[in-house]
């Protein structure tokens, strides 16, 4: 994640007054006006540490097309690798690391190297997709997806270390997952699949263009694809020259869909491959890794171990082989199967002595060692809110309410915010990809403030409804039920936790609440740090009266798995954000 510069550009970008139901949110305070209670400080950046290791399957030149099992055909037209950055005929591994930089792990076993994406240096892309070499020049294209739904086509330069955009299109935030599937139509070009939150799947066939819209009009594949929490484009698995597809359910069932080559009906009926695949937090299509002409996959455990699954040619796999360790440093893989998450993978703790500490999850279910932020003891009495990202950098925002004025760092968002006793920024609630803010009055009325994507101002407030004073805690940071929309969690004074699934519609941002369960008043503090274990699903943590911290991992179904104790001593904090 890019280091913060305290966003000097925000002041120039946003100077408008925001009128909100009779409340005037003032323009920024000048240097002579009342200063914020705390001096803004640099928020730390996650440390990368050592790059992961990768153990590759043997691939001597190219093996003959001999099938791995009896009955599997040799490849008729070997599928082109989708992410061959160095031109050796094999796809490489590309990922965004925990420090926000993008790296390439060559299939040759050479050292990893950083890949520079030209564009806004502060922007963190929500997803990266590899459709393949669309124009036939021998170098792969790849697609970046912004949080606000801009899809951009990048062409790799000849040095294999940089890419520049040649086309962009808007409106792609209507999908919760984009997949570079390989050639589904038989024309030799890589195609793309896109799924909506309601589970509709669409095919975007490539048209060969790279300097204009690279896709033909979409074709609906079918409904019901929301049943899967991972969609994996594996390229050609059966050796017929047509791309194939894998899907996984939250329960861990893996299914295989053979490609037909027919754009109107690109897949044959599904075939169950096996169970237990929920032991992996990401499943990734890597094309032909061993030179037999058949597409393979890799799967990553929460502990960061990577395993290769070599295809048999009929949609199943040989016994897995080791693919390396240390892969928890990858926060986003190109070609990963899970829904992308955006906006918050961080947590703050304010201790009883007024010192503020910052934590970031390591994609393995644990937090890295805490880092002090600002002056020791300098945050005593601060009224803080830590929201999901309100701009395009992917970093959460530390807001402070002081004397009725809401601040983001040293920037005064506006006055009049003292009427609220709870501020929550769970992410995008309106469906435009920009982070929003929820505010509850002391009387229990909840309002939605739509963000402009600048982290400095909001649109006029929208009345969500009354009765929200029934809850003593409102938290959220992303998607809990697997549809890719932002949700909210609410705890009653009696300890019952409810899920309010997001709709993506600002005028009515939540569906009817769903009872998750009771007993949640055992936790003195609840916080939503985003995804902790690297599966892209929003998680939850709580601190009990003993000071023990527990993690609740989201299943992606609106429920949580069994709690896991992360350690003691957390009673030192007055609050977690």
Protein backbone atom coordinates (compact mmCIF):
# COMPACT_ATOMS: atom_id res chain seq x y z
CA UNK A 1 0.00 0.00 0.00
CA UNK A 2 1.47 3.34 -0.96
CA UNK A 3 2.87 5.55 1.74
CA UNK A 4 0.74 8.50 2.69
CA UNK A 5 1.83 12.02 1.86
CA UNK A 6 -0.98 13.55 3.93
CA UNK A 7 -2.79 14.25 0.69
CA UNK A 8 -1.95 17.87 0.09
CA UNK A 9 -3.93 17.64 -3.12
CA UNK A 10 -7.18 17.15 -1.22
CA UNK A 11 -7.42 20.76 -0.16
CA UNK A 12 -7.18 21.98 -3.73
CA UNK A 13 -9.66 19.37 -4.90
CA UNK A 14 -12.45 19.95 -2.41
CA UNK A 15 -13.49 23.36 -1.10
CA UNK A 16 -17.25 23.14 -1.52
CA UNK A 17 -19.77 23.56 1.25
CA UNK A 18 -21.84 20.49 2.00
CA UNK A 19 -25.44 21.16 2.95
CA UNK A 20 -26.99 18.28 4.85
CA UNK A 21 -30.60 18.41 6.03
CA UNK A 22 -30.19 21.77 7.68
CA UNK A 23 -26.65 21.07 8.88
CA UNK A 24 -23.92 23.15 7.28
CA UNK A 25 -20.64 21.29 6.97
CA UNK A 26 -18.14 24.13 6.78
CA UNK A 27 -15.27 24.61 4.36
CA UNK A 28 -11.74 23.78 5.58
CA UNK A 29 -10.48 25.71 8.57
CA UNK A 30 -7.62 28.07 7.83
CA UNK A 31 -4.35 28.12 9.75
CA UNK A 32 -5.78 30.83 12.02
CA UNK A 33 -8.91 28.87 12.87
CA UNK A 34 -9.30 26.23 15.56
CA UNK A 35 -6.79 23.45 14.92
CA UNK A 36 -7.69 19.77 15.28
CA UNK A 37 -7.15 18.24 18.69
CA UNK A 38 -4.40 15.97 17.40
CA UNK A 39 -1.62 16.69 14.96
CA UNK A 40 -1.84 14.46 11.90
CA UNK A 41 0.93 11.89 11.70
CA UNK A 42 2.21 9.53 9.04
CA UNK A 43 0.34 6.24 9.07
CA UNK A 44 2.84 3.40 8.78
CA UNK A 45 3.10 1.17 5.73
CA UNK A 46 3.15 -2.65 5.99
CA UNK A 47 6.64 -4.09 5.83
CA UNK A 48 7.19 -6.56 2.99
CA UNK A 49 9.83 -8.71 4.63
CA UNK A 50 11.28 -11.56 2.57
CA UNK A 51 9.82 -12.37 -0.81
CA UNK A 52 8.22 -15.81 -1.03
CA UNK A 53 9.88 -18.85 -2.55
CA UNK A 54 8.37 -20.81 -5.42
CA UNK A 55 9.08 -24.45 -6.19
CA UNK A 56 8.06 -25.18 -9.77
CA UNK A 57 6.98 -28.49 -11.29
CA UNK A 58 9.46 -29.97 -13.72
CA UNK A 59 8.87 -28.71 -17.25
CA UNK A 60 11.67 -29.92 -19.58
CA UNK A 61 11.25 -27.89 -22.77
CA UNK A 62 7.70 -28.87 -23.51
CA UNK A 63 6.62 -32.37 -22.71
CA UNK A 64 4.87 -34.34 -25.38
CA UNK A 65 1.16 -33.91 -25.34
CA UNK A 66 0.79 -37.31 -23.73
CA UNK A 67 -2.17 -37.34 -21.39
CA UNK A 68 -1.53 -37.67 -17.69
CA UNK A 69 -4.22 -40.31 -17.42
CA UNK A 70 -5.66 -42.77 -19.87
CA UNK A 71 -8.40 -41.25 -21.98
CA UNK A 72 -7.16 -37.65 -21.89
CA UNK A 73 -6.33 -36.22 -25.28
CA UNK A 74 -3.18 -34.41 -26.27
CA UNK A 75 -3.67 -30.70 -26.86
CA UNK A 76 -5.06 -30.05 -30.33
CA UNK A 77 -3.98 -26.42 -30.29
CA UNK A 78 -1.92 -25.71 -27.17
CA UNK A 79 -3.44 -22.83 -25.26
CA UNK A 80 -1.33 -19.69 -25.09
CA UNK A 81 -0.08 -18.73 -21.64
CA UNK A 82 -1.98 -15.73 -20.27
CA UNK A 83 0.80 -14.13 -18.25
CA UNK A 84 4.10 -15.02 -19.92
CA UNK A 85 6.09 -11.93 -18.97
CA UNK A 86 9.53 -13.20 -20.05
CA UNK A 87 8.64 -15.03 -23.25
CA UNK A 88 9.66 -18.52 -22.17
CA UNK A 89 6.31 -20.07 -23.04
CA UNK A 90 5.04 -20.36 -19.46
CA UNK A 91 2.85 -18.07 -17.40
CA UNK A 92 4.54 -16.25 -14.56
CA UNK A 93 3.05 -15.40 -11.18
CA UNK A 94 2.06 -11.78 -10.66
CA UNK A 95 0.83 -10.37 -7.35
CA UNK A 96 0.40 -7.25 -5.28
CA UNK A 97 2.40 -7.64 -2.10
CA UNK A 98 1.42 -6.56 1.36
CA UNK A 99 3.43 -3.35 0.88
CA UNK A 100 1.26 -2.32 -2.07
CA UNK A 101 3.83 -2.96 -4.81
CA UNK A 102 3.30 -5.37 -7.70
CA UNK A 103 5.82 -8.17 -8.27
CA UNK A 104 6.43 -10.85 -10.89
CA UNK A 105 7.68 -14.30 -9.92
CA UNK A 106 9.20 -15.76 -13.13
CA UNK A 107 8.37 -19.34 -14.08
CA UNK A 108 12.07 -19.88 -14.74
CA UNK A 109 12.82 -19.70 -11.03
CA UNK A 110 14.69 -16.40 -11.42
CA UNK A 111 14.39 -13.78 -8.67
CA UNK A 112 11.18 -11.86 -8.26
CA UNK A 113 11.16 -8.35 -9.62
CA UNK A 114 8.92 -5.35 -9.17
CA UNK A 115 6.48 -4.47 -11.94
CA UNK A 116 5.62 -0.79 -12.44
CA UNK A 117 2.09 0.12 -13.52
CA UNK A 118 2.07 3.62 -14.96
CA UNK A 119 -0.81 5.74 -13.72
CA UNK A 120 -1.82 7.40 -10.46
CA UNK A 121 0.97 6.49 -8.07
CA UNK A 122 -1.39 6.74 -5.07
CA UNK A 123 -4.03 4.43 -6.49
CA UNK A 124 -4.41 0.87 -5.33
CA UNK A 125 -6.33 -1.23 -7.83
CA UNK A 126 -9.17 -3.35 -6.56
CA UNK A 127 -8.31 -6.23 -8.87
CA UNK A 128 -5.82 -7.33 -11.53
CA UNK A 129 -6.93 -9.63 -14.37
CA UNK A 130 -4.85 -11.44 -17.01
CA UNK A 131 -6.75 -12.08 -20.28
CA UNK A 132 -3.58 -13.05 -22.22
CA UNK A 133 -1.86 -11.76 -25.35
CA UNK A 134 -4.81 -10.12 -27.09
CA UNK A 135 -3.03 -8.58 -30.08
CA UNK A 136 -0.55 -11.37 -30.83
CA UNK A 137 2.62 -9.32 -30.30
CA UNK A 138 4.08 -11.91 -27.94
CA UNK A 139 3.58 -9.87 -24.75
CA UNK A 140 0.61 -10.24 -22.40
CA UNK A 141 -1.95 -7.60 -21.66
CA UNK A 142 -3.52 -7.27 -18.26
CA UNK A 143 -6.47 -5.40 -16.85
CA UNK A 144 -6.70 -3.24 -13.75
CA UNK A 145 -9.99 -2.58 -11.99
CA UNK A 146 -10.38 0.56 -9.89
CA UNK A 147 -12.65 0.64 -6.85
CA UNK A 148 -15.01 2.93 -8.75
CA UNK A 149 -15.37 0.52 -11.66
CA UNK A 150 -12.87 1.77 -14.25
CA UNK A 151 -11.38 -1.15 -16.16
CA UNK A 152 -8.09 -0.35 -17.90
CA UNK A 153 -6.10 -2.40 -20.39
CA UNK A 154 -2.35 -2.33 -19.84
CA UNK A 155 0.21 -3.51 -22.37
CA UNK A 156 3.51 -4.82 -21.09
CA UNK A 157 6.56 -3.11 -22.50
CA UNK A 158 9.47 -5.07 -23.92
CA UNK A 159 11.43 -4.81 -20.65
CA UNK A 160 8.71 -6.91 -18.94
CA UNK A 161 8.91 -4.62 -15.91
CA UNK A 162 6.47 -1.88 -16.85
CA UNK A 163 3.01 -1.50 -18.32
CA UNK A 164 1.05 1.41 -19.74
CA UNK A 165 -2.70 1.85 -20.28
CA UNK A 166 -4.12 1.99 -23.80
CA UNK A 167 -7.84 1.75 -23.03
CA UNK A 168 -10.21 2.40 -20.13
CA UNK A 169 -13.91 1.82 -19.69
CA UNK A 170 -16.27 2.70 -16.84
CA UNK A 171 -19.20 1.01 -15.14
CA UNK A 172 -17.56 -2.28 -14.17
CA UNK A 173 -18.42 -1.86 -10.48
CA UNK A 174 -21.68 -3.67 -11.28
CA UNK A 175 -19.70 -6.92 -11.04
CA UNK A 176 -18.22 -8.53 -7.94
CA UNK A 177 -15.77 -10.70 -9.85
CA UNK A 178 -13.91 -10.51 -13.18
CA UNK A 179 -12.04 -13.57 -14.47
CA UNK A 180 -9.48 -13.86 -17.26
CA UNK A 181 -10.76 -17.22 -18.43
CA UNK A 182 -8.61 -18.01 -21.46
CA UNK A 183 -9.99 -18.72 -24.93
CA UNK A 184 -13.63 -19.75 -24.50
CA UNK A 185 -14.73 -19.21 -28.11
CA UNK A 186 -11.98 -20.96 -30.08
CA UNK A 187 -10.59 -17.90 -31.88
CA UNK A 188 -7.22 -17.97 -30.10
CA UNK A 189 -7.91 -14.89 -27.97
CA UNK A 190 -8.35 -14.78 -24.22
CA UNK A 191 -11.86 -13.93 -23.05
CA UNK A 192 -13.27 -12.62 -19.78
CA UNK A 193 -16.10 -13.65 -17.46
CA UNK A 194 -17.94 -11.24 -15.16
CA UNK A 195 -20.33 -12.05 -12.30
CA UNK A 196 -22.93 -9.78 -10.71
CA UNK A 197 -23.77 -9.73 -6.96
CA UNK A 198 -27.02 -11.52 -7.80
CA UNK A 199 -25.10 -14.42 -9.36
CA UNK A 200 -25.52 -13.73 -13.08
CA UNK A 201 -22.46 -14.71 -15.14
CA UNK A 202 -21.57 -12.96 -18.42
CA UNK A 203 -19.03 -13.72 -21.13
CA UNK A 204 -17.04 -10.90 -22.68
CA UNK A 205 -15.37 -12.34 -25.77
CA UNK A 206 -12.19 -10.60 -26.93
CA UNK A 207 -12.25 -8.82 -30.28
CA UNK A 208 -8.50 -8.41 -30.83
CA UNK A 209 -8.36 -4.66 -30.04
CA UNK A 210 -5.93 -3.27 -27.47
CA UNK A 211 -6.16 0.48 -28.16
CA UNK A 212 -9.96 0.55 -27.89
CA UNK A 213 -12.61 -1.55 -26.19
CA UNK A 214 -11.10 -5.07 -26.32
CA UNK A 215 -14.38 -6.94 -25.81
CA UNK A 216 -17.50 -7.71 -27.76
CA UNK A 217 -20.94 -7.19 -26.24
CA UNK A 218 -21.57 -9.38 -23.25
CA UNK A 219 -23.41 -12.69 -23.49
CA UNK A 220 -25.26 -14.05 -20.47
CA UNK A 221 -23.98 -17.46 -19.43
CA UNK A 222 -26.57 -18.12 -16.73
CA UNK A 223 -27.76 -17.55 -13.16
CA UNK A 224 -26.87 -19.13 -9.83
CA UNK A 225 -23.13 -18.48 -9.97
CA UNK A 226 -23.30 -16.67 -6.63
CA UNK A 227 -23.24 -20.11 -5.02
CA UNK A 228 -19.45 -20.06 -5.47
CA UNK A 229 -16.96 -18.05 -3.47
CA UNK A 230 -14.12 -18.67 -5.92
CA UNK A 231 -14.16 -18.61 -9.73
CA UNK A 232 -10.95 -19.87 -11.32
CA UNK A 233 -10.05 -19.56 -14.97
CA UNK A 234 -7.62 -22.43 -15.59
CA UNK A 235 -7.09 -22.01 -19.35
CA UNK A 236 -7.19 -25.32 -21.26
CA UNK A 237 -7.37 -28.24 -18.83
CA UNK A 238 -8.53 -31.01 -21.17
CA UNK A 239 -6.24 -30.47 -24.16
CA UNK A 240 -8.91 -29.54 -26.71
CA UNK A 241 -7.67 -25.96 -27.15
CA UNK A 242 -10.66 -24.43 -25.32
CA UNK A 243 -10.47 -22.84 -21.89
CA UNK A 244 -12.05 -24.57 -18.91
CA UNK A 245 -13.25 -23.38 -15.52
CA UNK A 246 -13.24 -24.32 -11.84
CA UNK A 247 -15.54 -23.10 -9.08
CA UNK A 248 -15.54 -23.58 -5.31
CA UNK A 249 -18.38 -23.34 -2.80
CA UNK A 250 -17.89 -21.84 0.68
CA UNK A 251 -18.22 -25.39 2.02
CA UNK A 252 -15.12 -26.41 0.04
CA UNK A 253 -16.62 -28.33 -2.87
CA UNK A 254 -14.66 -27.91 -6.10
CA UNK A 255 -16.42 -28.20 -9.46
CA UNK A 256 -15.10 -28.44 -12.99
CA UNK A 257 -16.78 -26.86 -16.03
CA UNK A 258 -15.40 -28.01 -19.38
CA UNK A 259 -15.36 -25.36 -22.10
CA UNK A 260 -17.43 -25.96 -25.22
CA UNK A 261 -16.07 -23.29 -27.56
CA UNK A 262 -19.62 -21.99 -28.06
CA UNK A 263 -20.05 -18.37 -26.90
CA UNK A 264 -23.80 -18.87 -26.47
CA UNK A 265 -23.21 -21.79 -24.11
CA UNK A 266 -19.54 -21.79 -23.12
CA UNK A 267 -19.63 -24.58 -20.52
CA UNK A 268 -20.76 -28.16 -20.30
CA UNK A 269 -22.44 -29.41 -17.11
CA UNK A 270 -20.44 -29.18 -13.92
CA UNK A 271 -18.52 -32.14 -12.52
CA UNK A 272 -17.58 -32.35 -8.85
CA UNK A 273 -13.81 -32.65 -8.37
CA UNK A 274 -13.68 -33.08 -4.61
CA UNK A 275 -14.19 -31.66 -1.13
CA UNK A 276 -11.98 -29.89 1.39
CA UNK A 277 -10.86 -27.08 -0.85
CA UNK A 278 -11.89 -24.49 1.75
CA UNK A 279 -8.56 -25.28 3.36
CA UNK A 280 -7.16 -22.76 0.87
CA UNK A 281 -7.74 -19.02 1.02
CA UNK A 282 -6.94 -18.49 -2.68
CA UNK A 283 -7.06 -20.75 -5.72
CA UNK A 284 -5.18 -19.42 -8.75
CA UNK A 285 -5.05 -20.47 -12.38
CA UNK A 286 -1.44 -20.65 -13.62
CA UNK A 287 -1.91 -22.29 -17.06
CA UNK A 288 0.41 -25.13 -18.07
CA UNK A 289 3.09 -25.30 -15.37
CA UNK A 290 4.72 -28.64 -16.24
CA UNK A 291 4.86 -28.55 -20.04
CA UNK A 292 2.27 -31.22 -20.83
CA UNK A 293 -0.07 -28.76 -22.55
CA UNK A 294 -2.73 -28.91 -19.84
CA UNK A 295 -3.74 -26.05 -17.54
CA UNK A 296 -2.82 -26.41 -13.87
CA UNK A 297 -3.75 -24.51 -10.71
CA UNK A 298 -2.07 -23.54 -7.46
CA UNK A 299 -3.72 -23.14 -4.07
CA UNK A 300 -2.53 -21.16 -1.05
CA UNK A 301 -3.08 -22.06 2.58
CA UNK A 302 -3.65 -19.45 5.27
CA UNK A 303 -0.13 -20.19 6.55
CA UNK A 304 1.25 -19.05 3.18
CA UNK A 305 2.17 -22.44 1.72
CA UNK A 306 1.52 -22.83 -1.99
CA UNK A 307 0.68 -26.14 -3.64
CA UNK A 308 0.60 -27.12 -7.30
CA UNK A 309 -2.20 -29.24 -8.69
CA UNK A 310 -1.20 -30.71 -12.06
CA UNK A 311 -4.06 -31.60 -14.38
CA UNK A 312 -4.88 -35.12 -15.44
CA UNK A 313 -6.60 -33.92 -18.62
CA UNK A 314 -10.12 -34.83 -17.52
CA UNK A 315 -10.80 -32.11 -14.95
CA UNK A 316 -9.16 -33.80 -11.97
CA UNK A 317 -5.64 -33.50 -10.55
CA UNK A 318 -2.63 -35.54 -9.62
CA UNK A 319 -1.49 -35.52 -6.00
CA UNK A 320 -0.52 -32.01 -5.04
CA UNK A 321 3.14 -30.98 -4.97
CA UNK A 322 4.88 -28.25 -3.04
CA UNK A 323 4.83 -24.80 -4.58
CA UNK A 324 6.73 -22.79 -2.01
CA UNK A 325 6.33 -20.94 1.26
CA UNK A 326 5.93 -17.39 2.50
CA UNK A 327 3.10 -16.53 0.15
CA UNK A 328 1.06 -14.76 2.82
CA UNK A 329 2.94 -11.63 1.69
CA UNK A 330 0.71 -11.62 -1.42
CA UNK A 331 -2.44 -9.61 -0.79
CA UNK A 332 -3.76 -9.91 -4.34
CA UNK A 333 -2.88 -12.45 -7.03
CA UNK A 334 -3.48 -11.89 -10.72
CA UNK A 335 -5.85 -14.72 -11.52
CA UNK A 336 -7.01 -15.34 -7.95
CA UNK A 337 -10.41 -16.96 -7.69
CA UNK A 338 -11.91 -15.04 -4.78
CA UNK A 339 -13.85 -11.79 -4.80
CA UNK A 340 -11.51 -8.81 -4.44
CA UNK A 341 -11.72 -6.77 -1.25
CA UNK A 342 -10.88 -3.09 -0.98
CA UNK A 343 -10.62 -0.38 1.59
CA UNK A 344 -9.52 -1.72 4.96
CA UNK A 345 -6.92 -4.22 6.08
CA UNK A 346 -5.74 -2.34 9.15
CA UNK A 347 -6.64 -1.72 12.79
CA UNK A 348 -5.85 0.87 15.46
CA UNK A 349 -5.77 0.42 19.21
CA UNK A 350 -6.03 3.38 21.60
CA UNK A 351 -4.73 2.39 25.03
CA UNK A 352 -5.89 3.66 28.39
CA UNK A 353 -2.84 5.95 28.62
CA UNK A 354 -3.71 7.77 25.41
CA UNK A 355 -1.16 6.09 23.14
CA UNK A 356 -2.23 5.01 19.67
CA UNK A 357 -0.96 1.83 18.00
CA UNK A 358 -1.38 0.51 14.47
CA UNK A 359 -1.76 -3.11 13.36
CA UNK A 360 -1.96 -4.71 9.95
CA UNK A 361 -3.00 -8.31 9.20
CA UNK A 362 -0.50 -10.59 7.49
CA UNK A 363 -3.03 -12.53 5.37
CA UNK A 364 -2.48 -15.53 7.63
CA UNK A 365 -5.02 -14.85 10.36
CA UNK A 366 -2.55 -12.93 12.52
CA UNK A 367 -1.52 -9.33 13.00
CA UNK A 368 1.99 -8.00 12.60
CA UNK A 369 3.65 -6.45 15.64
CA UNK A 370 2.08 -3.16 16.60
CA UNK A 371 3.62 0.17 15.68
CA UNK A 372 3.22 3.35 17.74
CA UNK A 373 1.60 6.29 15.96
CA UNK A 374 2.34 9.82 17.10
CA UNK A 375 3.43 10.97 20.53
CA UNK A 376 3.15 8.55 23.44
CA UNK A 377 0.06 9.47 25.45
CA UNK A 378 -0.86 12.19 22.99
CA UNK A 379 -4.20 10.70 21.97
CA UNK A 380 -5.93 10.67 25.37
CA UNK A 381 -9.63 11.43 25.09
CA UNK A 382 -9.61 11.44 21.28
CA UNK A 383 -12.93 10.63 19.59
CA UNK A 384 -11.70 8.53 16.67
CA UNK A 385 -13.27 6.64 13.80
CA UNK A 386 -11.31 4.38 11.46
CA UNK A 387 -13.23 4.02 8.20
CA UNK A 388 -12.70 1.98 5.08
CA UNK A 389 -10.90 3.95 2.39
CA UNK A 390 -12.70 7.11 1.27
CA UNK A 391 -10.43 7.65 -1.77
CA UNK A 392 -8.58 5.49 -4.29
CA UNK A 393 -5.47 4.55 -2.30
CA UNK A 394 -7.03 1.55 -0.56
CA UNK A 395 -5.90 2.78 2.85
CA UNK A 396 -8.38 3.21 5.67
CA UNK A 397 -9.01 6.74 7.00
CA UNK A 398 -8.40 7.79 10.61
CA UNK A 399 -11.03 10.45 11.33
CA UNK A 400 -11.31 12.51 14.51
CA UNK A 401 -14.36 14.32 15.85
CA UNK A 402 -13.28 17.31 17.93
CA UNK A 403 -15.46 20.15 19.18
CA UNK A 404 -18.14 19.23 16.63
CA UNK A 405 -15.75 19.31 13.67
CA UNK A 406 -14.84 16.17 11.78
CA UNK A 407 -11.22 15.96 10.64
CA UNK A 408 -9.34 13.69 8.28
CA UNK A 409 -5.74 14.25 9.27
CA UNK A 410 -5.42 18.07 9.38
CA UNK A 411 -8.25 18.62 6.93
CA UNK A 412 -11.54 19.88 8.38
CA UNK A 413 -14.37 18.00 6.65
CA UNK A 414 -17.00 20.16 8.32
CA UNK A 415 -18.82 21.30 11.46
CA UNK A 416 -21.96 20.03 13.17
CA UNK A 417 -20.92 16.41 13.53
CA UNK A 418 -21.28 16.51 17.33
CA UNK A 419 -24.94 15.50 17.00
CA UNK A 420 -23.80 11.95 16.22
CA UNK A 421 -22.75 9.36 18.80
CA UNK A 422 -21.52 6.79 16.27
CA UNK A 423 -19.68 7.13 12.95
CA UNK A 424 -18.99 4.02 10.85
CA UNK A 425 -17.31 3.75 7.45
CA UNK A 426 -17.89 0.16 6.26
CA UNK A 427 -17.11 0.91 2.60
CA UNK A 428 -19.19 1.58 -0.50
CA UNK A 429 -22.90 1.42 0.33
CA UNK A 430 -24.25 3.22 -2.73
CA UNK A 431 -22.81 1.07 -5.50
CA UNK A 432 -20.51 3.67 -7.06
CA UNK A 433 -17.30 2.21 -5.63
CA UNK A 434 -16.62 5.22 -3.38
CA UNK A 435 -16.40 4.82 0.38
CA UNK A 436 -19.36 6.14 2.37
CA UNK A 437 -20.01 7.07 6.01
CA UNK A 438 -22.83 6.15 8.37
CA UNK A 439 -23.74 8.51 11.23
CA UNK A 440 -26.17 7.80 14.10
CA UNK A 441 -27.81 10.49 16.20
CA UNK A 442 -28.27 10.19 19.95
CA UNK A 443 -31.95 9.63 19.23
CA UNK A 444 -31.19 6.56 17.11
CA UNK A 445 -31.65 7.90 13.58
CA UNK A 446 -29.10 6.58 11.11
CA UNK A 447 -27.92 8.66 8.15
CA UNK A 448 -25.85 7.76 5.11
CA UNK A 449 -23.29 10.23 3.77
CA UNK A 450 -22.21 9.30 0.26
CA UNK A 451 -18.51 9.84 -0.36
CA UNK A 452 -17.12 11.67 -3.36
CA UNK A 453 -13.97 9.54 -3.49
CA UNK A 454 -11.80 12.38 -2.16
CA UNK A 455 -11.84 11.65 1.61
CA UNK A 456 -12.59 15.32 2.23
CA UNK A 457 -16.34 15.80 1.84
CA UNK A 458 -19.67 14.04 1.51
CA UNK A 459 -22.94 14.51 -0.31
CA UNK A 460 -26.12 15.53 1.53
CA UNK A 461 -27.15 12.99 4.11
CA UNK A 462 -29.82 10.36 3.45
CA UNK A 463 -32.12 9.18 6.24
CA UNK A 464 -31.71 5.41 6.60
CA UNK A 465 -34.23 5.11 9.43
CA UNK A 466 -34.81 5.22 13.17
CA UNK A 467 -34.46 2.75 16.01
CA UNK A 468 -30.74 2.27 15.64
CA UNK A 469 -30.22 3.21 19.31
CA UNK A 470 -31.20 -0.41 20.01
CA UNK A 471 -27.59 -1.24 19.20
CA UNK A 472 -24.56 -0.48 21.36
CA UNK A 473 -22.09 -1.24 18.57
CA UNK A 474 -22.11 -0.72 14.80
CA UNK A 475 -19.13 -2.07 12.84
CA UNK A 476 -18.23 -3.16 9.34
CA UNK A 477 -15.42 -3.24 6.80
CA UNK A 478 -16.43 -4.95 3.59
CA UNK A 479 -18.48 -7.96 2.55
CA UNK A 480 -19.70 -10.62 5.00
CA UNK A 481 -22.23 -12.58 2.95
CA UNK A 482 -20.22 -13.18 -0.23
CA UNK A 483 -22.09 -11.03 -2.75
CA UNK A 484 -19.33 -8.43 -3.01
CA UNK A 485 -21.43 -5.64 -1.48
CA UNK A 486 -20.58 -3.80 1.72
CA UNK A 487 -22.48 -4.96 4.81
CA UNK A 488 -23.00 -3.73 8.38
CA UNK A 489 -22.91 -5.57 11.72
CA UNK A 490 -24.97 -4.36 14.69
CA UNK A 491 -24.94 -5.65 18.29
CA UNK A 492 -27.83 -5.16 20.68
CA UNK A 493 -27.40 -4.29 24.34
CA UNK A 494 -28.41 -7.89 25.09
CA UNK A 495 -25.53 -9.26 23.01
CA UNK A 496 -27.32 -10.38 19.82
CA UNK A 497 -25.37 -9.69 16.65
CA UNK A 498 -27.22 -8.87 13.44
CA UNK A 499 -26.05 -8.62 9.86
CA UNK A 500 -27.50 -5.93 7.62
CA UNK A 501 -26.66 -7.06 4.07
CA UNK A 502 -25.88 -4.21 1.72
CA UNK A 503 -27.98 -3.50 -1.35
CA UNK A 504 -25.66 -1.14 -3.23
CA UNK A 505 -28.53 1.42 -3.36
CA UNK A 506 -28.04 4.64 -1.40
CA UNK A 507 -31.75 5.33 -0.83
CA UNK A 508 -32.15 1.94 0.84
CA UNK A 509 -28.66 0.68 1.67
CA UNK A 510 -29.64 -2.43 3.68
CA UNK A 511 -31.83 -5.47 3.36
CA UNK A 512 -33.70 -6.83 6.37
CA UNK A 513 -31.42 -7.79 9.21
CA UNK A 514 -30.26 -11.37 9.75
CA UNK A 515 -29.67 -12.80 13.24
CA UNK A 516 -26.11 -14.09 13.50
CA UNK A 517 -26.40 -15.20 17.13
CA UNK A 518 -26.27 -14.23 20.78
CA UNK A 519 -23.58 -13.95 23.41
CA UNK A 520 -21.60 -11.21 21.70
CA UNK A 521 -21.78 -9.00 24.80
CA UNK A 522 -18.95 -11.12 26.17
CA UNK A 523 -16.71 -8.79 24.20
CA UNK A 524 -15.92 -5.41 25.70
CA UNK A 525 -14.58 -4.28 22.34
CA UNK A 526 -15.55 -5.29 18.80
CA UNK A 527 -13.67 -4.15 15.69
CA UNK A 528 -13.86 -4.77 11.94
CA UNK A 529 -10.31 -4.79 10.55
CA UNK A 530 -11.28 -6.15 7.13
CA UNK A 531 -9.77 -9.36 5.76
CA UNK A 532 -7.29 -10.96 8.18
CA UNK A 533 -6.66 -14.39 6.65
CA UNK A 534 -6.17 -13.52 2.98
CA UNK A 535 -9.40 -14.94 1.52
CA UNK A 536 -10.90 -11.55 0.64
CA UNK A 537 -13.77 -11.88 3.12
CA UNK A 538 -14.30 -9.39 5.92
CA UNK A 539 -13.51 -10.69 9.40
CA UNK A 540 -14.25 -9.57 12.96
CA UNK A 541 -12.28 -9.39 16.21
CA UNK A 542 -13.36 -9.03 19.82
CA UNK A 543 -11.68 -8.50 23.20
CA UNK A 544 -13.24 -10.15 26.25
CA UNK A 545 -13.13 -9.09 29.89
CA UNK A 546 -9.86 -10.99 30.39
CA UNK A 547 -8.16 -8.97 27.68
CA UNK A 548 -7.97 -11.89 25.23
CA UNK A 549 -8.33 -11.11 21.52
CA UNK A 550 -10.40 -13.46 19.39
CA UNK A 551 -10.71 -13.65 15.62
CA UNK A 552 -13.94 -14.56 13.86
CA UNK A 553 -13.26 -15.56 10.27
CA UNK A 554 -16.03 -14.89 7.80
CA UNK A 555 -17.39 -17.86 5.87
CA UNK A 556 -18.72 -15.61 3.12
CA UNK A 557 -22.27 -16.71 3.89
CA UNK A 558 -23.15 -14.11 6.50
CA UNK A 559 -21.85 -16.32 9.28
CA UNK A 560 -18.53 -16.75 11.06
CA UNK A 561 -16.39 -19.77 11.72
CA UNK A 562 -15.35 -20.90 15.20
CA UNK A 563 -13.46 -18.22 17.07
CA UNK A 564 -9.68 -18.38 17.36
CA UNK A 565 -7.73 -16.85 20.24
CA UNK A 566 -4.95 -14.56 19.00
CA UNK A 567 -3.43 -13.65 22.34
CA UNK A 568 -3.82 -11.83 25.64
CA UNK A 569 -3.00 -8.39 26.94
CA UNK A 570 -5.48 -6.54 24.78
CA UNK A 571 -7.26 -5.18 27.83
CA UNK A 572 -4.71 -2.37 27.72
CA UNK A 573 -6.81 -0.74 25.00
CA UNK A 574 -9.69 1.59 25.72
CA UNK A 575 -10.93 0.97 22.19
CA UNK A 576 -10.13 -0.77 18.93
CA UNK A 577 -10.95 0.75 15.53
